[in-house]
Amino acid sequence: MLKRLLNISLLGLFLFYYSGSVMFYHSHLIDGVKVVHSHPFPLSKTAEGHNHTQAELATISILSHASLLLVASITLLLVIKFLLNVCLAVRQKFTFQNIALLVKSLRAPPFFL
């Protein structure tokens, strides 16, 4: 029950984040630099009708870089894990006993007298 509630909560959180980043996408031209981001803002204002302070712009920059760094780090760790698994699997010596342990059959092993 708890696992199902957690799954539904994570799905809701993802949908909330994704819809916020897609539906409120806009840009500002600040000191000749185009800042592209998304966040909810009142419908009475247009995207160009609101401004951000320097602290808000710094926060947007930090969050953008942090999310990129997180995705890059996870990707790099998964690639390293995959390469290590491949390298270690090649080094294993395949003997009859090792192969027999990998086979999932329902019959008993043969019995010799």
N, C-alpha and C. Protein backbone atom coordinates (compact mmCIF):
# COMPACT_ATOMS: atom_id res chain seq x y z
N MET A 1 0.82 -1.19 0.00
CA MET A 1 0.00 0.00 0.00
C MET A 1 0.87 1.26 0.00
N LEU A 2 1.91 1.23 0.84
CA LEU A 2 2.81 2.38 0.93
C LEU A 2 3.57 2.57 -0.37
N LYS A 3 3.97 1.44 -0.98
CA LYS A 3 4.70 1.51 -2.25
C LYS A 3 3.81 2.12 -3.34
N ARG A 4 2.55 1.73 -3.36
CA ARG A 4 1.63 2.27 -4.37
C ARG A 4 1.42 3.78 -4.15
N LEU A 5 1.28 4.18 -2.90
CA LEU A 5 1.12 5.60 -2.58
C LEU A 5 2.36 6.39 -2.99
N LEU A 6 3.53 5.81 -2.75
CA LEU A 6 4.78 6.46 -3.14
C LEU A 6 4.87 6.58 -4.66
N ASN A 7 4.49 5.53 -5.38
CA ASN A 7 4.51 5.57 -6.85
C ASN A 7 3.57 6.65 -7.38
N ILE A 8 2.38 6.73 -6.83
CA ILE A 8 1.41 7.74 -7.28
C ILE A 8 1.92 9.14 -6.94
N SER A 9 2.52 9.29 -5.76
CA SER A 9 3.06 10.60 -5.38
C SER A 9 4.19 11.03 -6.30
N LEU A 10 5.09 10.11 -6.63
CA LEU A 10 6.20 10.44 -7.53
C LEU A 10 5.69 10.76 -8.93
N LEU A 11 4.68 10.04 -9.39
CA LEU A 11 4.10 10.34 -10.69
C LEU A 11 3.46 11.73 -10.68
N GLY A 12 2.73 12.05 -9.62
CA GLY A 12 2.13 13.38 -9.50
C GLY A 12 3.17 14.48 -9.45
N LEU A 13 4.26 14.25 -8.70
CA LEU A 13 5.33 15.24 -8.63
C LEU A 13 5.98 15.44 -10.00
N PHE A 14 6.22 14.35 -10.73
CA PHE A 14 6.80 14.47 -12.06
C PHE A 14 5.87 15.22 -13.00
N LEU A 15 4.58 14.90 -12.99
CA LEU A 15 3.63 15.59 -13.87
C LEU A 15 3.53 17.07 -13.52
N PHE A 16 3.56 17.40 -12.24
CA PHE A 16 3.53 18.80 -11.81
C PHE A 16 4.77 19.54 -12.32
N TYR A 17 5.94 18.93 -12.16
CA TYR A 17 7.19 19.55 -12.61
C TYR A 17 7.20 19.69 -14.13
N TYR A 18 6.82 18.62 -14.83
CA TYR A 18 6.87 18.63 -16.30
C TYR A 18 5.89 19.65 -16.87
N SER A 19 4.68 19.69 -16.33
CA SER A 19 3.70 20.66 -16.84
C SER A 19 4.15 22.09 -16.55
N GLY A 20 4.78 22.32 -15.41
CA GLY A 20 5.29 23.66 -15.10
C GLY A 20 6.40 24.09 -16.02
N SER A 21 7.24 23.14 -16.43
CA SER A 21 8.35 23.51 -17.31
C SER A 21 7.92 23.63 -18.77
N VAL A 22 6.83 23.02 -19.15
CA VAL A 22 6.36 23.09 -20.54
C VAL A 22 5.35 24.22 -20.73
N MET A 23 4.45 24.41 -19.79
CA MET A 23 3.35 25.35 -19.99
C MET A 23 3.76 26.81 -19.77
N PHE A 24 4.76 27.08 -18.97
CA PHE A 24 5.11 28.45 -18.63
C PHE A 24 6.50 28.83 -19.16
N TYR A 25 6.87 28.29 -20.27
CA TYR A 25 8.19 28.50 -20.89
C TYR A 25 8.24 29.90 -21.49
N HIS A 26 9.23 30.70 -21.10
CA HIS A 26 9.37 32.04 -21.65
C HIS A 26 10.82 32.52 -21.51
N SER A 27 11.11 33.66 -22.11
CA SER A 27 12.48 34.17 -22.06
C SER A 27 12.47 35.67 -21.77
N HIS A 28 13.59 36.15 -21.28
CA HIS A 28 13.81 37.56 -21.01
C HIS A 28 15.12 37.97 -21.65
N LEU A 29 15.20 39.20 -22.12
CA LEU A 29 16.45 39.76 -22.62
C LEU A 29 16.97 40.71 -21.57
N ILE A 30 18.04 40.31 -20.88
CA ILE A 30 18.58 41.09 -19.78
C ILE A 30 20.04 41.40 -20.09
N ASP A 31 20.36 42.66 -20.24
CA ASP A 31 21.72 43.12 -20.53
C ASP A 31 22.30 42.42 -21.75
N GLY A 32 21.49 42.23 -22.77
CA GLY A 32 21.95 41.59 -24.00
C GLY A 32 22.05 40.08 -23.92
N VAL A 33 21.68 39.49 -22.80
CA VAL A 33 21.73 38.04 -22.63
C VAL A 33 20.31 37.51 -22.55
N LYS A 34 20.02 36.49 -23.35
CA LYS A 34 18.69 35.90 -23.34
C LYS A 34 18.62 34.82 -22.27
N VAL A 35 17.74 35.00 -21.31
CA VAL A 35 17.54 34.04 -20.22
C VAL A 35 16.24 33.30 -20.50
N VAL A 36 16.34 31.99 -20.71
CA VAL A 36 15.18 31.16 -21.00
C VAL A 36 14.90 30.29 -19.78
N HIS A 37 13.67 30.31 -19.30
CA HIS A 37 13.29 29.51 -18.15
C HIS A 37 11.78 29.33 -18.13
N SER A 38 11.30 28.64 -17.12
CA SER A 38 9.85 28.47 -16.99
C SER A 38 9.48 28.50 -15.52
N HIS A 39 8.36 29.13 -15.27
CA HIS A 39 7.76 29.15 -13.93
C HIS A 39 6.37 29.73 -14.09
N PRO A 40 5.45 29.35 -13.20
CA PRO A 40 4.11 29.92 -13.28
C PRO A 40 4.12 31.41 -12.95
N PHE A 41 3.31 32.17 -13.66
CA PHE A 41 3.13 33.59 -13.38
C PHE A 41 1.67 33.93 -13.62
N PRO A 42 1.16 35.01 -13.03
CA PRO A 42 -0.26 35.35 -13.17
C PRO A 42 -0.67 35.52 -14.63
N LEU A 43 -1.87 35.07 -14.95
CA LEU A 43 -2.35 35.16 -16.33
C LEU A 43 -2.57 36.61 -16.75
N SER A 44 -2.72 37.51 -15.78
CA SER A 44 -2.93 38.92 -16.13
C SER A 44 -1.66 39.54 -16.70
N LYS A 45 -0.51 38.96 -16.42
CA LYS A 45 0.76 39.47 -16.95
C LYS A 45 1.23 38.60 -18.10
N THR A 46 1.94 39.20 -19.02
CA THR A 46 2.57 38.41 -20.08
C THR A 46 3.96 38.00 -19.61
N ALA A 47 4.59 37.13 -20.38
CA ALA A 47 5.93 36.67 -20.00
C ALA A 47 6.92 37.83 -19.97
N GLU A 48 6.74 38.79 -20.88
CA GLU A 48 7.65 39.93 -20.91
C GLU A 48 7.26 40.98 -19.87
N GLY A 49 6.08 40.85 -19.29
CA GLY A 49 5.58 41.85 -18.37
C GLY A 49 6.08 41.72 -16.95
N HIS A 50 6.85 40.71 -16.65
CA HIS A 50 7.38 40.59 -15.30
C HIS A 50 8.91 40.54 -15.34
N ASN A 51 9.51 40.96 -14.28
CA ASN A 51 10.97 41.03 -14.20
C ASN A 51 11.48 40.15 -13.07
N HIS A 52 12.77 39.93 -13.08
CA HIS A 52 13.41 39.13 -12.04
C HIS A 52 14.55 39.93 -11.43
N THR A 53 14.77 39.71 -10.15
CA THR A 53 15.90 40.35 -9.47
C THR A 53 17.18 39.57 -9.80
N GLN A 54 18.31 40.14 -9.44
CA GLN A 54 19.59 39.45 -9.67
C GLN A 54 19.65 38.14 -8.89
N ALA A 55 19.07 38.12 -7.69
CA ALA A 55 19.07 36.90 -6.88
C ALA A 55 18.24 35.81 -7.55
N GLU A 56 17.10 36.18 -8.12
CA GLU A 56 16.26 35.20 -8.82
C GLU A 56 16.98 34.66 -10.05
N LEU A 57 17.65 35.52 -10.79
CA LEU A 57 18.40 35.07 -11.96
C LEU A 57 19.55 34.14 -11.56
N ALA A 58 20.20 34.45 -10.45
CA ALA A 58 21.27 33.57 -9.96
C ALA A 58 20.71 32.21 -9.56
N THR A 59 19.54 32.21 -8.92
CA THR A 59 18.90 30.95 -8.53
C THR A 59 18.52 30.13 -9.75
N ILE A 60 17.98 30.77 -10.78
CA ILE A 60 17.64 30.07 -12.02
C ILE A 60 18.89 29.44 -12.62
N SER A 61 19.98 30.18 -12.64
CA SER A 61 21.24 29.68 -13.20
C SER A 61 21.76 28.49 -12.40
N ILE A 62 21.74 28.61 -11.08
CA ILE A 62 22.24 27.52 -10.22
C ILE A 62 21.40 26.27 -10.40
N LEU A 63 20.08 26.40 -10.42
CA LEU A 63 19.21 25.24 -10.59
C LEU A 63 19.40 24.58 -11.95
N SER A 64 19.58 25.38 -12.98
CA SER A 64 19.80 24.83 -14.32
C SER A 64 21.11 24.04 -14.37
N HIS A 65 22.16 24.62 -13.81
CA HIS A 65 23.45 23.93 -13.82
C HIS A 65 23.44 22.70 -12.91
N ALA A 66 22.76 22.78 -11.79
CA ALA A 66 22.70 21.64 -10.87
C ALA A 66 21.95 20.47 -11.49
N SER A 67 20.85 20.75 -12.19
CA SER A 67 20.10 19.65 -12.81
C SER A 67 20.91 19.02 -13.94
N LEU A 68 21.63 19.84 -14.71
CA LEU A 68 22.48 19.30 -15.77
C LEU A 68 23.60 18.46 -15.18
N LEU A 69 24.21 18.94 -14.10
CA LEU A 69 25.29 18.20 -13.46
C LEU A 69 24.79 16.88 -12.88
N LEU A 70 23.59 16.87 -12.32
CA LEU A 70 23.02 15.65 -11.76
C LEU A 70 22.78 14.61 -12.85
N VAL A 71 22.18 15.03 -13.95
CA VAL A 71 21.92 14.09 -15.06
C VAL A 71 23.23 13.57 -15.64
N ALA A 72 24.21 14.44 -15.82
CA ALA A 72 25.50 14.02 -16.36
C ALA A 72 26.20 13.04 -15.41
N SER A 73 26.13 13.29 -14.12
CA SER A 73 26.77 12.41 -13.14
C SER A 73 26.12 11.04 -13.12
N ILE A 74 24.80 10.99 -13.12
CA ILE A 74 24.11 9.70 -13.13
C ILE A 74 24.41 8.93 -14.40
N THR A 75 24.43 9.62 -15.54
CA THR A 75 24.75 8.96 -16.80
C THR A 75 26.17 8.40 -16.77
N LEU A 76 27.11 9.18 -16.29
CA LEU A 76 28.50 8.73 -16.21
C LEU A 76 28.63 7.52 -15.28
N LEU A 77 27.96 7.54 -14.14
CA LEU A 77 28.02 6.40 -13.23
C LEU A 77 27.42 5.14 -13.85
N LEU A 78 26.32 5.28 -14.59
CA LEU A 78 25.72 4.12 -15.24
C LEU A 78 26.64 3.56 -16.32
N VAL A 79 27.30 4.42 -17.07
CA VAL A 79 28.23 3.96 -18.10
C VAL A 79 29.41 3.24 -17.45
N ILE A 80 29.95 3.79 -16.38
CA ILE A 80 31.07 3.15 -15.68
C ILE A 80 30.64 1.79 -15.13
N LYS A 81 29.46 1.72 -14.55
CA LYS A 81 28.95 0.45 -14.01
C LYS A 81 28.81 -0.58 -15.12
N PHE A 82 28.27 -0.17 -16.26
CA PHE A 82 28.11 -1.09 -17.38
C PHE A 82 29.47 -1.59 -17.87
N LEU A 83 30.43 -0.67 -18.02
CA LEU A 83 31.76 -1.08 -18.50
C LEU A 83 32.46 -2.00 -17.51
N LEU A 84 32.31 -1.75 -16.23
CA LEU A 84 32.90 -2.64 -15.23
C LEU A 84 32.26 -4.02 -15.28
N ASN A 85 30.94 -4.07 -15.44
CA ASN A 85 30.27 -5.37 -15.55
C ASN A 85 30.75 -6.14 -16.77
N VAL A 86 30.93 -5.44 -17.88
CA VAL A 86 31.41 -6.10 -19.10
C VAL A 86 32.83 -6.61 -18.89
N CYS A 87 33.69 -5.78 -18.33
CA CYS A 87 35.09 -6.18 -18.11
C CYS A 87 35.20 -7.35 -17.13
N LEU A 88 34.42 -7.33 -16.07
CA LEU A 88 34.48 -8.41 -15.09
C LEU A 88 33.86 -9.68 -15.62
N ALA A 89 32.86 -9.58 -16.47
CA ALA A 89 32.23 -10.77 -17.03
C ALA A 89 33.18 -11.46 -18.00
N VAL A 90 33.99 -10.71 -18.71
CA VAL A 90 34.93 -11.31 -19.66
C VAL A 90 36.02 -12.06 -18.91
N ARG A 91 36.42 -11.59 -17.75
CA ARG A 91 37.50 -12.22 -16.99
C ARG A 91 37.09 -13.52 -16.32
N GLN A 92 35.80 -13.78 -16.17
CA GLN A 92 35.36 -15.00 -15.51
C GLN A 92 35.76 -16.21 -16.35
N LYS A 93 36.21 -17.23 -15.66
CA LYS A 93 36.56 -18.46 -16.35
C LYS A 93 35.31 -19.33 -16.38
N PHE A 94 34.86 -19.67 -17.57
CA PHE A 94 33.65 -20.47 -17.70
C PHE A 94 34.01 -21.95 -17.62
N THR A 95 33.61 -22.55 -16.54
CA THR A 95 33.79 -23.99 -16.38
C THR A 95 32.40 -24.62 -16.40
N PHE A 96 32.40 -25.94 -16.43
CA PHE A 96 31.11 -26.63 -16.46
C PHE A 96 30.29 -26.30 -15.22
N GLN A 97 30.94 -26.20 -14.06
CA GLN A 97 30.21 -25.91 -12.82
C GLN A 97 29.60 -24.51 -12.87
N ASN A 98 30.33 -23.53 -13.39
CA ASN A 98 29.79 -22.16 -13.48
C ASN A 98 28.61 -22.10 -14.42
N ILE A 99 28.72 -22.78 -15.56
CA ILE A 99 27.63 -22.76 -16.53
C ILE A 99 26.42 -23.49 -15.97
N ALA A 100 26.64 -24.60 -15.25
CA ALA A 100 25.53 -25.36 -14.68
C ALA A 100 24.78 -24.52 -13.65
N LEU A 101 25.48 -23.66 -12.94
CA LEU A 101 24.80 -22.80 -11.96
C LEU A 101 23.94 -21.74 -12.63
N LEU A 102 24.29 -21.34 -13.85
CA LEU A 102 23.52 -20.32 -14.56
C LEU A 102 22.24 -20.86 -15.17
N VAL A 103 22.18 -22.17 -15.39
CA VAL A 103 21.02 -22.78 -16.04
C VAL A 103 19.91 -22.96 -15.01
N LYS A 104 18.73 -22.49 -15.37
CA LYS A 104 17.59 -22.63 -14.46
C LYS A 104 16.66 -23.70 -15.03
N SER A 105 16.89 -24.94 -14.64
CA SER A 105 16.02 -26.02 -15.10
C SER A 105 15.30 -26.62 -13.90
N LEU A 106 14.24 -27.32 -14.19
CA LEU A 106 13.43 -27.88 -13.11
C LEU A 106 13.80 -29.32 -12.79
N ARG A 107 14.68 -29.92 -13.57
CA ARG A 107 15.02 -31.31 -13.29
C ARG A 107 16.24 -31.36 -12.38
N ALA A 108 16.37 -32.47 -11.70
CA ALA A 108 17.50 -32.66 -10.81
C ALA A 108 18.76 -32.92 -11.62
N PRO A 109 19.92 -32.69 -11.03
CA PRO A 109 21.16 -32.98 -11.76
C PRO A 109 21.31 -34.49 -11.94
N PRO A 110 22.06 -34.91 -12.93
CA PRO A 110 22.22 -36.36 -13.17
C PRO A 110 22.99 -37.02 -12.02
N PHE A 111 22.65 -38.28 -11.80
CA PHE A 111 23.28 -39.05 -10.73
C PHE A 111 24.05 -40.20 -11.35
N PHE A 112 25.33 -40.28 -11.05
CA PHE A 112 26.17 -41.34 -11.61
C PHE A 112 26.65 -42.23 -10.48
N LEU A 113 26.68 -43.54 -10.74
CA LEU A 113 27.20 -44.50 -9.76
C LEU A 113 28.61 -44.86 -10.07
